[in-house]
Amino acid sequence: SVISRGLQKIAENYPVLVKIRGRWELTPLGFQVNASTKEAITS
């Protein structure tokens, strides 16, 4: 439930998650953000 609320809060403020048929999915921007995050971690 904590994880679900966390995802909901992210989706409400930033266009990186969208709920489709009751399931959260990453948007194209969400994939880009995660890719950028991984690059930052590597650097």
All heavy atoms as atom14 arrays in JSON, in Angstrom:
{
  "sequence": "SVISRGLQKIAENYPVLVKIRGRWELTPLGFQVNASTKEAITS",
  "atom14_mask": [
    [1, 1, 1, 1, 1, 1, 0, 0, 0, 0, 0, 0, 0, 0],
    [1, 1, 1, 1, 1, 1, 1, 0, 0, 0, 0, 0, 0, 0],
    [1, 1, 1, 1, 1, 1, 1, 1, 0, 0, 0, 0, 0, 0],
    [1, 1, 1, 1, 1, 1, 0, 0, 0, 0, 0, 0, 0, 0],
    [1, 1, 1, 1, 1, 1, 1, 1, 1, 1, 1, 0, 0, 0],
    [1, 1, 1, 1, 0, 0, 0, 0, 0, 0, 0, 0, 0, 0],
    [1, 1, 1, 1, 1, 1, 1, 1, 0, 0, 0, 0, 0, 0],
    [1, 1, 1, 1, 1, 1, 1, 1, 1, 0, 0, 0, 0, 0],
    [1, 1, 1, 1, 1, 1, 1, 1, 1, 0, 0, 0, 0, 0],
    [1, 1, 1, 1, 1, 1, 1, 1, 0, 0, 0, 0, 0, 0],
    [1, 1, 1, 1, 1, 0, 0, 0, 0, 0, 0, 0, 0, 0],
    [1, 1, 1, 1, 1, 1, 1, 1, 1, 0, 0, 0, 0, 0],
    [1, 1, 1, 1, 1, 1, 1, 1, 0, 0, 0, 0, 0, 0],
    [1, 1, 1, 1, 1, 1, 1, 1, 1, 1, 1, 1, 0, 0],
    [1, 1, 1, 1, 1, 1, 1, 0, 0, 0, 0, 0, 0, 0],
    [1, 1, 1, 1, 1, 1, 1, 0, 0, 0, 0, 0, 0, 0],
    [1, 1, 1, 1, 1, 1, 1, 1, 0, 0, 0, 0, 0, 0],
    [1, 1, 1, 1, 1, 1, 1, 0, 0, 0, 0, 0, 0, 0],
    [1, 1, 1, 1, 1, 1, 1, 1, 1, 0, 0, 0, 0, 0],
    [1, 1, 1, 1, 1, 1, 1, 1, 0, 0, 0, 0, 0, 0],
    [1, 1, 1, 1, 1, 1, 1, 1, 1, 1, 1, 0, 0, 0],
    [1, 1, 1, 1, 0, 0, 0, 0, 0, 0, 0, 0, 0, 0],
    [1, 1, 1, 1, 1, 1, 1, 1, 1, 1, 1, 0, 0, 0],
    [1, 1, 1, 1, 1, 1, 1, 1, 1, 1, 1, 1, 1, 1],
    [1, 1, 1, 1, 1, 1, 1, 1, 1, 0, 0, 0, 0, 0],
    [1, 1, 1, 1, 1, 1, 1, 1, 0, 0, 0, 0, 0, 0],
    [1, 1, 1, 1, 1, 1, 1, 0, 0, 0, 0, 0, 0, 0],
    [1, 1, 1, 1, 1, 1, 1, 0, 0, 0, 0, 0, 0, 0],
    [1, 1, 1, 1, 1, 1, 1, 1, 0, 0, 0, 0, 0, 0],
    [1, 1, 1, 1, 0, 0, 0, 0, 0, 0, 0, 0, 0, 0],
    [1, 1, 1, 1, 1, 1, 1, 1, 1, 1, 1, 0, 0, 0],
    [1, 1, 1, 1, 1, 1, 1, 1, 1, 0, 0, 0, 0, 0],
    [1, 1, 1, 1, 1, 1, 1, 0, 0, 0, 0, 0, 0, 0],
    [1, 1, 1, 1, 1, 1, 1, 1, 0, 0, 0, 0, 0, 0],
    [1, 1, 1, 1, 1, 0, 0, 0, 0, 0, 0, 0, 0, 0],
    [1, 1, 1, 1, 1, 1, 0, 0, 0, 0, 0, 0, 0, 0],
    [1, 1, 1, 1, 1, 1, 1, 0, 0, 0, 0, 0, 0, 0],
    [1, 1, 1, 1, 1, 1, 1, 1, 1, 0, 0, 0, 0, 0],
    [1, 1, 1, 1, 1, 1, 1, 1, 1, 0, 0, 0, 0, 0],
    [1, 1, 1, 1, 1, 0, 0, 0, 0, 0, 0, 0, 0, 0],
    [1, 1, 1, 1, 1, 1, 1, 1, 0, 0, 0, 0, 0, 0],
    [1, 1, 1, 1, 1, 1, 1, 0, 0, 0, 0, 0, 0, 0],
    [1, 1, 1, 1, 1, 1, 0, 0, 0, 0, 0, 0, 0, 0]
  ],
  "atom14_positions": [
    [[0.83, -1.2, 0.0], [0.0, 0.0, 0.0], [0.87, 1.26, 0.0], [0.52, 2.27, -0.61], [-0.93, 0.01, 1.22], [-0.17, 0.03, 2.43], [0.0, 0.0, 0.0], [0.0, 0.0, 0.0], [0.0, 0.0, 0.0], [0.0, 0.0, 0.0], [0.0, 0.0, 0.0], [0.0, 0.0, 0.0], [0.0, 0.0, 0.0], [0.0, 0.0, 0.0]],
    [[2.02, 1.21, 0.68], [2.94, 2.35, 0.7], [3.54, 2.55, -0.68], [3.65, 3.7, -1.16], [4.06, 2.12, 1.74], [5.1, 3.24, 1.66], [3.47, 2.04, 3.14], [0.0, 0.0, 0.0], [0.0, 0.0, 0.0], [0.0, 0.0, 0.0], [0.0, 0.0, 0.0], [0.0, 0.0, 0.0], [0.0, 0.0, 0.0], [0.0, 0.0, 0.0]],
    [[3.91, 1.47, -1.32], [4.45, 1.55, -2.67], [3.41, 2.12, -3.63], [3.7, 2.99, -4.46], [4.9, 0.15, -3.17], [6.05, -0.38, -2.31], [5.3, 0.21, -4.64], [7.32, 0.41, -2.43], [0.0, 0.0, 0.0], [0.0, 0.0, 0.0], [0.0, 0.0, 0.0], [0.0, 0.0, 0.0], [0.0, 0.0, 0.0], [0.0, 0.0, 0.0]],
    [[2.17, 1.65, -3.51], [1.1, 2.11, -4.38], [0.86, 3.6, -4.22], [0.7, 4.33, -5.21], [-0.18, 1.33, -4.09], [-1.21, 1.72, -4.97], [0.0, 0.0, 0.0], [0.0, 0.0, 0.0], [0.0, 0.0, 0.0], [0.0, 0.0, 0.0], [0.0, 0.0, 0.0], [0.0, 0.0, 0.0], [0.0, 0.0, 0.0], [0.0, 0.0, 0.0]],
    [[0.85, 4.08, -2.96], [0.64, 5.51, -2.73], [1.8, 6.33, -3.28], [1.62, 7.43, -3.8], [0.46, 5.78, -1.23], [-0.88, 5.34, -0.67], [-1.15, 5.97, 0.69], [-0.16, 5.58, 1.68], [-0.26, 4.5, 2.45], [-1.32, 3.69, 2.32], [0.67, 4.22, 3.34], [0.0, 0.0, 0.0], [0.0, 0.0, 0.0], [0.0, 0.0, 0.0]],
    [[3.0, 5.78, -3.16], [4.16, 6.47, -3.69], [4.08, 6.63, -5.2], [4.4, 7.7, -5.74], [0.0, 0.0, 0.0], [0.0, 0.0, 0.0], [0.0, 0.0, 0.0], [0.0, 0.0, 0.0], [0.0, 0.0, 0.0], [0.0, 0.0, 0.0], [0.0, 0.0, 0.0], [0.0, 0.0, 0.0], [0.0, 0.0, 0.0], [0.0, 0.0, 0.0]],
    [[3.67, 5.58, -5.9], [3.52, 5.65, -7.35], [2.42, 6.63, -7.74], [2.55, 7.39, -8.71], [3.21, 4.26, -7.91], [4.33, 3.21, -7.77], [3.83, 1.84, -8.22], [5.56, 3.61, -8.58], [0.0, 0.0, 0.0], [0.0, 0.0, 0.0], [0.0, 0.0, 0.0], [0.0, 0.0, 0.0], [0.0, 0.0, 0.0], [0.0, 0.0, 0.0]],
    [[1.33, 6.62, -6.97], [0.23, 7.52, -7.24], [0.66, 8.98, -7.11], [0.34, 9.82, -7.95], [-0.92, 7.25, -6.25], [-2.15, 8.14, -6.44], [-2.87, 7.87, -7.74], [-3.06, 6.71, -8.11], [-3.26, 8.92, -8.44], [0.0, 0.0, 0.0], [0.0, 0.0, 0.0], [0.0, 0.0, 0.0], [0.0, 0.0, 0.0], [0.0, 0.0, 0.0]],
    [[1.43, 9.28, -6.08], [1.9, 10.65, -5.86], [2.81, 11.1, -6.99], [2.74, 12.26, -7.45], [2.64, 10.75, -4.53], [3.04, 12.16, -4.16], [3.64, 12.22, -2.78], [4.01, 13.66, -2.42], [4.61, 13.75, -1.04], [0.0, 0.0, 0.0], [0.0, 0.0, 0.0], [0.0, 0.0, 0.0], [0.0, 0.0, 0.0], [0.0, 0.0, 0.0]],
    [[3.68, 10.2, -7.46], [4.55, 10.54, -8.58], [3.71, 10.84, -9.82], [3.91, 11.84, -10.51], [5.54, 9.39, -8.87], [6.53, 9.23, -7.72], [6.3, 9.66, -10.18], [7.46, 8.03, -7.87], [0.0, 0.0, 0.0], [0.0, 0.0, 0.0], [0.0, 0.0, 0.0], [0.0, 0.0, 0.0], [0.0, 0.0, 0.0], [0.0, 0.0, 0.0]],
    [[2.71, 9.97, -10.09], [1.88, 10.12, -11.29], [1.05, 11.4, -11.25], [0.79, 12.01, -12.29], [0.97, 8.91, -11.43], [0.0, 0.0, 0.0], [0.0, 0.0, 0.0], [0.0, 0.0, 0.0], [0.0, 0.0, 0.0], [0.0, 0.0, 0.0], [0.0, 0.0, 0.0], [0.0, 0.0, 0.0], [0.0, 0.0, 0.0], [0.0, 0.0, 0.0]],
    [[0.65, 11.83, -10.06], [-0.17, 13.04, -9.93], [0.62, 14.3, -10.27], [0.04, 15.31, -10.68], [-0.72, 13.15, -8.51], [-1.82, 12.14, -8.2], [-2.22, 12.18, -6.75], [-1.57, 12.91, -5.96], [-3.19, 11.47, -6.39], [0.0, 0.0, 0.0], [0.0, 0.0, 0.0], [0.0, 0.0, 0.0], [0.0, 0.0, 0.0], [0.0, 0.0, 0.0]],
    [[1.91, 14.26, -10.06], [2.73, 15.46, -10.24], [3.6, 15.46, -11.5], [3.94, 16.54, -12.0], [3.63, 15.65, -9.01], [2.84, 16.0, -7.76], [2.42, 17.14, -7.59], [2.62, 15.02, -6.89], [0.0, 0.0, 0.0], [0.0, 0.0, 0.0], [0.0, 0.0, 0.0], [0.0, 0.0, 0.0], [0.0, 0.0, 0.0], [0.0, 0.0, 0.0]],
    [[3.95, 14.28, -11.99], [4.89, 14.21, -13.11], [4.4, 13.2, -14.15], [3.96, 12.09, -13.78], [6.28, 13.82, -12.63], [6.69, 14.57, -11.38], [6.79, 13.91, -10.17], [6.95, 15.94, -11.44], [7.14, 14.6, -9.02], [7.3, 16.63, -10.31], [7.39, 15.97, -9.09], [7.73, 16.66, -7.97], [0.0, 0.0, 0.0], [0.0, 0.0, 0.0]],
    [[4.49, 13.52, -15.42], [3.99, 12.62, -16.47], [4.94, 11.48, -16.79], [5.34, 11.29, -17.95], [3.84, 13.58, -17.66], [4.93, 14.59, -17.46], [5.01, 14.79, -15.97], [0.0, 0.0, 0.0], [0.0, 0.0, 0.0], [0.0, 0.0, 0.0], [0.0, 0.0, 0.0], [0.0, 0.0, 0.0], [0.0, 0.0, 0.0], [0.0, 0.0, 0.0]],
    [[5.29, 10.72, -15.77], [6.21, 9.6, -15.97], [5.54, 8.25, -15.76], [6.11, 7.21, -16.09], [7.43, 9.73, -15.03], [8.27, 10.95, -15.4], [7.0, 9.79, -13.58], [0.0, 0.0, 0.0], [0.0, 0.0, 0.0], [0.0, 0.0, 0.0], [0.0, 0.0, 0.0], [0.0, 0.0, 0.0], [0.0, 0.0, 0.0], [0.0, 0.0, 0.0]],
    [[4.33, 8.26, -15.21], [3.56, 7.04, -14.98], [2.14, 7.25, -15.45], [1.59, 8.36, -15.35], [3.56, 6.67, -13.49], [4.83, 6.1, -12.87], [4.69, 6.04, -11.36], [5.16, 4.73, -13.44], [0.0, 0.0, 0.0], [0.0, 0.0, 0.0], [0.0, 0.0, 0.0], [0.0, 0.0, 0.0], [0.0, 0.0, 0.0], [0.0, 0.0, 0.0]],
    [[1.54, 6.21, -15.94], [0.14, 6.25, -16.33], [-0.49, 4.91, -15.96], [0.16, 3.86, -16.03], [0.01, 6.53, -17.84], [0.61, 5.4, -18.67], [-1.45, 6.75, -18.21], [0.0, 0.0, 0.0], [0.0, 0.0, 0.0], [0.0, 0.0, 0.0], [0.0, 0.0, 0.0], [0.0, 0.0, 0.0], [0.0, 0.0, 0.0], [0.0, 0.0, 0.0]],
    [[-1.78, 4.94, -15.55], [-2.46, 3.7, -15.18], [-3.31, 3.25, -16.36], [-4.17, 3.98, -16.85], [-3.34, 3.92, -13.94], [-3.96, 2.63, -13.42], [-4.6, 2.83, -12.06], [-3.57, 2.84, -10.94], [-4.21, 2.83, -9.59], [0.0, 0.0, 0.0], [0.0, 0.0, 0.0], [0.0, 0.0, 0.0], [0.0, 0.0, 0.0], [0.0, 0.0, 0.0]],
    [[-3.03, 2.04, -16.81], [-3.76, 1.45, -17.93], [-4.35, 0.12, -17.48], [-3.63, -0.78, -17.04], [-2.84, 1.22, -19.15], [-2.23, 2.56, -19.61], [-3.58, 0.54, -20.28], [-1.24, 2.42, -20.74], [0.0, 0.0, 0.0], [0.0, 0.0, 0.0], [0.0, 0.0, 0.0], [0.0, 0.0, 0.0], [0.0, 0.0, 0.0], [0.0, 0.0, 0.0]],
    [[-5.71, 0.04, -17.55], [-6.44, -1.15, -17.12], [-6.08, -1.54, -15.68], [-5.88, -2.71, -15.36], [-6.18, -2.32, -18.07], [-6.66, -2.08, -19.5], [-6.55, -3.37, -20.33], [-6.9, -3.13, -21.71], [-6.05, -2.75, -22.65], [-4.78, -2.56, -22.33], [-6.46, -2.55, -23.89], [0.0, 0.0, 0.0], [0.0, 0.0, 0.0], [0.0, 0.0, 0.0]],
    [[-5.96, -0.51, -14.87], [-5.7, -0.75, -13.45], [-4.25, -1.05, -13.1], [-3.94, -1.33, -11.93], [0.0, 0.0, 0.0], [0.0, 0.0, 0.0], [0.0, 0.0, 0.0], [0.0, 0.0, 0.0], [0.0, 0.0, 0.0], [0.0, 0.0, 0.0], [0.0, 0.0, 0.0], [0.0, 0.0, 0.0], [0.0, 0.0, 0.0], [0.0, 0.0, 0.0]],
    [[-3.35, -0.94, -14.07], [-1.94, -1.23, -13.82], [-1.09, -0.02, -14.19], [-1.3, 0.62, -15.21], [-1.47, -2.45, -14.63], [-2.12, -3.76, -14.21], [-1.71, -4.88, -15.17], [-0.27, -5.05, -15.2], [0.39, -5.85, -14.37], [-0.27, -6.55, -13.45], [1.7, -5.97, -14.46], [0.0, 0.0, 0.0], [0.0, 0.0, 0.0], [0.0, 0.0, 0.0]],
    [[-0.1, 0.27, -13.32], [0.81, 1.37, -13.61], [1.79, 0.96, -14.71], [2.27, -0.16, -14.73], [1.62, 1.77, -12.36], [0.82, 2.46, -11.3], [0.52, 2.0, -10.06], [0.23, 3.75, -11.39], [-0.23, 2.9, -9.35], [-0.42, 4.01, -10.16], [0.17, 4.73, -12.39], [-1.1, 5.19, -9.9], [-0.51, 5.9, -12.15], [-1.14, 6.13, -10.91]],
    [[2.04, 1.91, -15.6], [3.04, 1.69, -16.64], [3.86, 2.97, -16.8], [3.36, 4.08, -16.6], [2.39, 1.33, -17.98], [1.7, -0.02, -17.98], [1.19, -0.41, -19.35], [1.6, 0.25, -20.35], [0.39, -1.36, -19.44], [0.0, 0.0, 0.0], [0.0, 0.0, 0.0], [0.0, 0.0, 0.0], [0.0, 0.0, 0.0], [0.0, 0.0, 0.0]],
    [[5.12, 2.81, -17.18], [5.97, 3.97, -17.46], [5.55, 4.64, -18.77], [5.23, 3.96, -19.75], [7.45, 3.54, -17.58], [8.17, 3.12, -16.3], [9.53, 2.53, -16.66], [8.33, 4.3, -15.35], [0.0, 0.0, 0.0], [0.0, 0.0, 0.0], [0.0, 0.0, 0.0], [0.0, 0.0, 0.0], [0.0, 0.0, 0.0], [0.0, 0.0, 0.0]],
    [[5.54, 5.95, -18.78], [5.33, 6.69, -20.03], [6.67, 6.78, -20.76], [7.73, 6.45, -20.18], [4.83, 8.11, -19.73], [5.86, 8.83, -19.05], [3.57, 8.08, -18.87], [0.0, 0.0, 0.0], [0.0, 0.0, 0.0], [0.0, 0.0, 0.0], [0.0, 0.0, 0.0], [0.0, 0.0, 0.0], [0.0, 0.0, 0.0], [0.0, 0.0, 0.0]],
    [[6.66, 7.24, -22.0], [7.95, 7.43, -22.69], [8.9, 8.31, -21.89], [10.11, 8.04, -21.84], [7.54, 8.08, -24.01], [6.17, 7.51, -24.28], [5.52, 7.45, -22.93], [0.0, 0.0, 0.0], [0.0, 0.0, 0.0], [0.0, 0.0, 0.0], [0.0, 0.0, 0.0], [0.0, 0.0, 0.0], [0.0, 0.0, 0.0], [0.0, 0.0, 0.0]],
    [[8.36, 9.38, -21.27], [9.22, 10.23, -20.45], [9.73, 9.47, -19.24], [10.88, 9.65, -18.82], [8.45, 11.48, -19.99], [9.24, 12.45, -19.12], [10.46, 12.97, -19.88], [8.37, 13.61, -18.66], [0.0, 0.0, 0.0], [0.0, 0.0, 0.0], [0.0, 0.0, 0.0], [0.0, 0.0, 0.0], [0.0, 0.0, 0.0], [0.0, 0.0, 0.0]],
    [[8.9, 8.58, -18.69], [9.33, 7.77, -17.55], [10.52, 6.89, -17.91], [11.48, 6.75, -17.13], [0.0, 0.0, 0.0], [0.0, 0.0, 0.0], [0.0, 0.0, 0.0], [0.0, 0.0, 0.0], [0.0, 0.0, 0.0], [0.0, 0.0, 0.0], [0.0, 0.0, 0.0], [0.0, 0.0, 0.0], [0.0, 0.0, 0.0], [0.0, 0.0, 0.0]],
    [[10.47, 6.29, -19.11], [11.6, 5.47, -19.57], [12.86, 6.34, -19.72], [13.96, 5.92, -19.36], [11.26, 4.81, -20.9], [10.4, 3.59, -20.78], [9.07, 3.62, -21.16], [10.93, 2.39, -20.27], [8.28, 2.48, -21.04], [10.15, 1.26, -20.15], [8.79, 1.3, -20.53], [0.0, 0.0, 0.0], [0.0, 0.0, 0.0], [0.0, 0.0, 0.0]],
    [[12.67, 7.56, -20.24], [13.81, 8.46, -20.42], [14.4, 8.87, -19.07], [15.62, 8.96, -18.91], [13.38, 9.7, -21.21], [13.15, 9.44, -22.68], [12.75, 10.7, -23.42], [11.76, 11.33, -23.11], [13.54, 11.07, -24.41], [0.0, 0.0, 0.0], [0.0, 0.0, 0.0], [0.0, 0.0, 0.0], [0.0, 0.0, 0.0], [0.0, 0.0, 0.0]],
    [[13.52, 9.15, -18.12], [14.01, 9.53, -16.78], [14.79, 8.39, -16.16], [15.87, 8.59, -15.58], [12.83, 9.94, -15.87], [13.29, 10.07, -14.42], [12.23, 11.26, -16.34], [0.0, 0.0, 0.0], [0.0, 0.0, 0.0], [0.0, 0.0, 0.0], [0.0, 0.0, 0.0], [0.0, 0.0, 0.0], [0.0, 0.0, 0.0], [0.0, 0.0, 0.0]],
    [[14.28, 7.17, -16.26], [15.01, 6.03, -15.69], [16.35, 5.82, -16.39], [17.35, 5.49, -15.75], [14.16, 4.76, -15.8], [13.21, 4.6, -14.63], [13.27, 5.37, -13.67], [12.34, 3.6, -14.69], [0.0, 0.0, 0.0], [0.0, 0.0, 0.0], [0.0, 0.0, 0.0], [0.0, 0.0, 0.0], [0.0, 0.0, 0.0], [0.0, 0.0, 0.0]],
    [[16.36, 6.0, -17.71], [17.63, 5.85, -18.44], [18.62, 6.91, -17.97], [19.81, 6.63, -17.76], [17.39, 5.97, -19.95], [0.0, 0.0, 0.0], [0.0, 0.0, 0.0], [0.0, 0.0, 0.0], [0.0, 0.0, 0.0], [0.0, 0.0, 0.0], [0.0, 0.0, 0.0], [0.0, 0.0, 0.0], [0.0, 0.0, 0.0], [0.0, 0.0, 0.0]],
    [[18.12, 8.15, -17.8], [18.99, 9.22, -17.33], [19.48, 8.95, -15.92], [20.63, 9.22, -15.57], [18.23, 10.55, -17.37], [19.06, 11.62, -17.02], [0.0, 0.0, 0.0], [0.0, 0.0, 0.0], [0.0, 0.0, 0.0], [0.0, 0.0, 0.0], [0.0, 0.0, 0.0], [0.0, 0.0, 0.0], [0.0, 0.0, 0.0], [0.0, 0.0, 0.0]],
    [[18.61, 8.41, -15.08], [18.98, 8.07, -13.7], [20.09, 7.02, -13.68], [21.06, 7.12, -12.93], [17.77, 7.56, -12.92], [16.76, 8.57, -12.9], [18.14, 7.21, -11.48], [0.0, 0.0, 0.0], [0.0, 0.0, 0.0], [0.0, 0.0, 0.0], [0.0, 0.0, 0.0], [0.0, 0.0, 0.0], [0.0, 0.0, 0.0], [0.0, 0.0, 0.0]],
    [[19.95, 6.0, -14.52], [20.97, 4.96, -14.59], [22.31, 5.53, -15.04], [23.36, 5.16, -14.51], [20.53, 3.84, -15.55], [19.37, 3.0, -15.03], [18.97, 1.96, -16.06], [17.8, 1.13, -15.58], [17.38, 0.13, -16.6], [0.0, 0.0, 0.0], [0.0, 0.0, 0.0], [0.0, 0.0, 0.0], [0.0, 0.0, 0.0], [0.0, 0.0, 0.0]],
    [[22.27, 6.44, -16.02], [23.51, 7.07, -16.47], [24.15, 7.87, -15.35], [25.37, 7.87, -15.17], [23.22, 8.0, -17.66], [22.85, 7.26, -18.94], [22.5, 8.21, -20.06], [22.68, 9.44, -19.86], [22.03, 7.76, -21.11], [0.0, 0.0, 0.0], [0.0, 0.0, 0.0], [0.0, 0.0, 0.0], [0.0, 0.0, 0.0], [0.0, 0.0, 0.0]],
    [[23.29, 8.57, -14.57], [23.82, 9.37, -13.46], [24.47, 8.49, -12.41], [25.53, 8.81, -11.87], [22.69, 10.19, -12.83], [0.0, 0.0, 0.0], [0.0, 0.0, 0.0], [0.0, 0.0, 0.0], [0.0, 0.0, 0.0], [0.0, 0.0, 0.0], [0.0, 0.0, 0.0], [0.0, 0.0, 0.0], [0.0, 0.0, 0.0], [0.0, 0.0, 0.0]],
    [[23.83, 7.35, -12.11], [24.39, 6.42, -11.13], [25.74, 5.9, -11.61], [26.72, 5.83, -10.85], [23.42, 5.23, -10.89], [22.17, 5.72, -10.18], [24.1, 4.14, -10.06], [21.08, 4.67, -10.1], [0.0, 0.0, 0.0], [0.0, 0.0, 0.0], [0.0, 0.0, 0.0], [0.0, 0.0, 0.0], [0.0, 0.0, 0.0], [0.0, 0.0, 0.0]],
    [[25.82, 5.54, -12.89], [27.07, 5.03, -13.45], [28.17, 6.09, -13.37], [29.3, 5.8, -12.97], [26.86, 4.61, -14.91], [25.89, 3.57, -14.97], [28.16, 4.11, -15.52], [0.0, 0.0, 0.0], [0.0, 0.0, 0.0], [0.0, 0.0, 0.0], [0.0, 0.0, 0.0], [0.0, 0.0, 0.0], [0.0, 0.0, 0.0], [0.0, 0.0, 0.0]],
    [[27.84, 7.34, -13.74], [28.82, 8.42, -13.68], [29.28, 8.66, -12.25], [30.47, 8.86, -11.99], [28.21, 9.71, -14.25], [27.89, 9.54, -15.62], [0.0, 0.0, 0.0], [0.0, 0.0, 0.0], [0.0, 0.0, 0.0], [0.0, 0.0, 0.0], [0.0, 0.0, 0.0], [0.0, 0.0, 0.0], [0.0, 0.0, 0.0], [0.0, 0.0, 0.0]]
  ]
}
